[in-house]
């Protein structure tokens, strides 16, 4: 499950979302709110990214990648043509 792309994307979105929420809580100036019309966009974008990241992780957990079974013929590593 570690190398599933959904796990990596979910973890990155979750981390960035938490960073944005913390930034919105700690560093919220009146000038920044004036740019966005009175909305603390860092908090809302962070919450959205964290939710989407969590959805990716839940998706990867509920529907894991299924590796098809291998064939029953043994692999010998001999690529030469069969002799007749």
Protein backbone atom coordinates (compact mmCIF):
# COMPACT_ATOMS: atom_id res chain seq x y z
CA UNK A 1 0.00 0.00 0.00
CA UNK A 2 2.99 2.30 0.47
CA UNK A 3 3.71 2.71 -3.24
CA UNK A 4 0.11 3.29 -4.26
CA UNK A 5 -0.09 6.75 -5.84
CA UNK A 6 -3.30 7.47 -3.93
CA UNK A 7 -1.43 7.11 -0.65
CA UNK A 8 1.29 9.53 -1.73
CA UNK A 9 -1.17 12.11 -3.10
CA UNK A 10 -3.41 11.82 -0.04
CA UNK A 11 -0.50 12.27 2.35
CA UNK A 12 0.82 15.30 0.47
CA UNK A 13 -2.59 16.96 0.27
CA UNK A 14 -3.17 16.27 3.95
CA UNK A 15 0.19 17.76 4.95
CA UNK A 16 -0.30 20.86 2.82
CA UNK A 17 -3.82 21.21 4.19
CA UNK A 18 -2.62 21.13 7.79
CA UNK A 19 0.10 23.68 6.98
CA UNK A 20 -2.47 26.01 5.40
CA UNK A 21 -4.84 25.71 8.37
CA UNK A 22 -2.02 26.52 10.79
CA UNK A 23 -0.93 29.44 8.61
CA UNK A 24 -4.49 30.73 8.49
CA UNK A 25 -4.82 30.55 12.26
CA UNK A 26 -1.45 32.12 13.07
CA UNK A 27 -0.82 34.59 10.26
CA UNK A 28 -4.10 36.27 9.37
CA UNK A 29 -3.75 39.98 8.66
CA UNK A 30 -6.36 42.51 7.73
CA UNK A 31 -4.56 43.19 4.44
CA UNK A 32 -4.85 39.54 3.44
CA UNK A 33 -8.54 39.41 4.36
CA UNK A 34 -9.14 42.57 2.32
CA UNK A 35 -7.70 40.82 -0.74
CA UNK A 36 -10.16 37.94 -0.41
CA UNK A 37 -13.25 39.88 0.60
CA UNK A 38 -13.11 39.14 4.33
CA UNK A 39 -12.62 35.40 3.98
CA UNK A 40 -9.65 33.61 5.54
CA UNK A 41 -8.81 31.66 2.43
CA UNK A 42 -5.90 29.79 4.00
CA UNK A 43 -8.18 28.08 6.50
CA UNK A 44 -10.81 27.16 3.92
CA UNK A 45 -8.29 25.95 1.35
CA UNK A 46 -6.48 23.99 4.06
CA UNK A 47 -9.66 22.32 5.25
CA UNK A 48 -10.57 21.44 1.67
CA UNK A 49 -7.14 19.99 0.95
CA UNK A 50 -7.12 18.01 4.19
CA UNK A 51 -10.56 16.55 3.41
CA UNK A 52 -9.55 15.59 -0.12
CA UNK A 53 -6.32 14.06 1.21
CA UNK A 54 -8.30 12.06 3.74
CA UNK A 55 -10.64 10.87 0.99
CA UNK A 56 -7.66 9.66 -1.05
CA UNK A 57 -6.32 7.72 1.93
CA UNK A 58 -9.73 6.18 2.66
CA UNK A 59 -10.09 5.25 -1.01
CA UNK A 60 -6.68 3.55 -1.01
CA UNK A 61 -7.56 1.70 2.19
CA UNK A 62 -11.01 0.50 1.03
CA UNK A 63 -10.03 -0.43 -2.54
CA UNK A 64 -6.42 -1.64 -2.43
CA UNK A 65 -4.50 -2.51 -5.56
CA UNK A 66 -4.92 -6.20 -6.36
CA UNK A 67 -1.91 -7.87 -7.93
CA UNK A 68 -2.96 -10.58 -10.38
CA UNK A 69 -1.64 -14.05 -9.60
CA UNK A 70 1.47 -15.13 -11.46
CA UNK A 71 1.39 -17.83 -14.09
CA UNK A 72 2.20 -21.40 -13.11
CA UNK A 73 5.01 -21.81 -15.65
CA UNK A 74 8.40 -21.33 -14.00
CA UNK A 75 10.72 -18.66 -15.30
CA UNK A 76 14.16 -20.08 -16.01
CA UNK A 77 15.86 -16.98 -17.32
CA UNK A 78 16.96 -18.81 -20.47
CA UNK A 79 15.88 -16.65 -23.40
CA UNK A 80 17.42 -18.84 -26.09
CA UNK A 81 15.27 -20.54 -28.65
CA UNK A 82 14.32 -24.14 -27.90
CA UNK A 83 16.50 -26.70 -29.67
CA UNK A 84 14.78 -29.19 -31.94
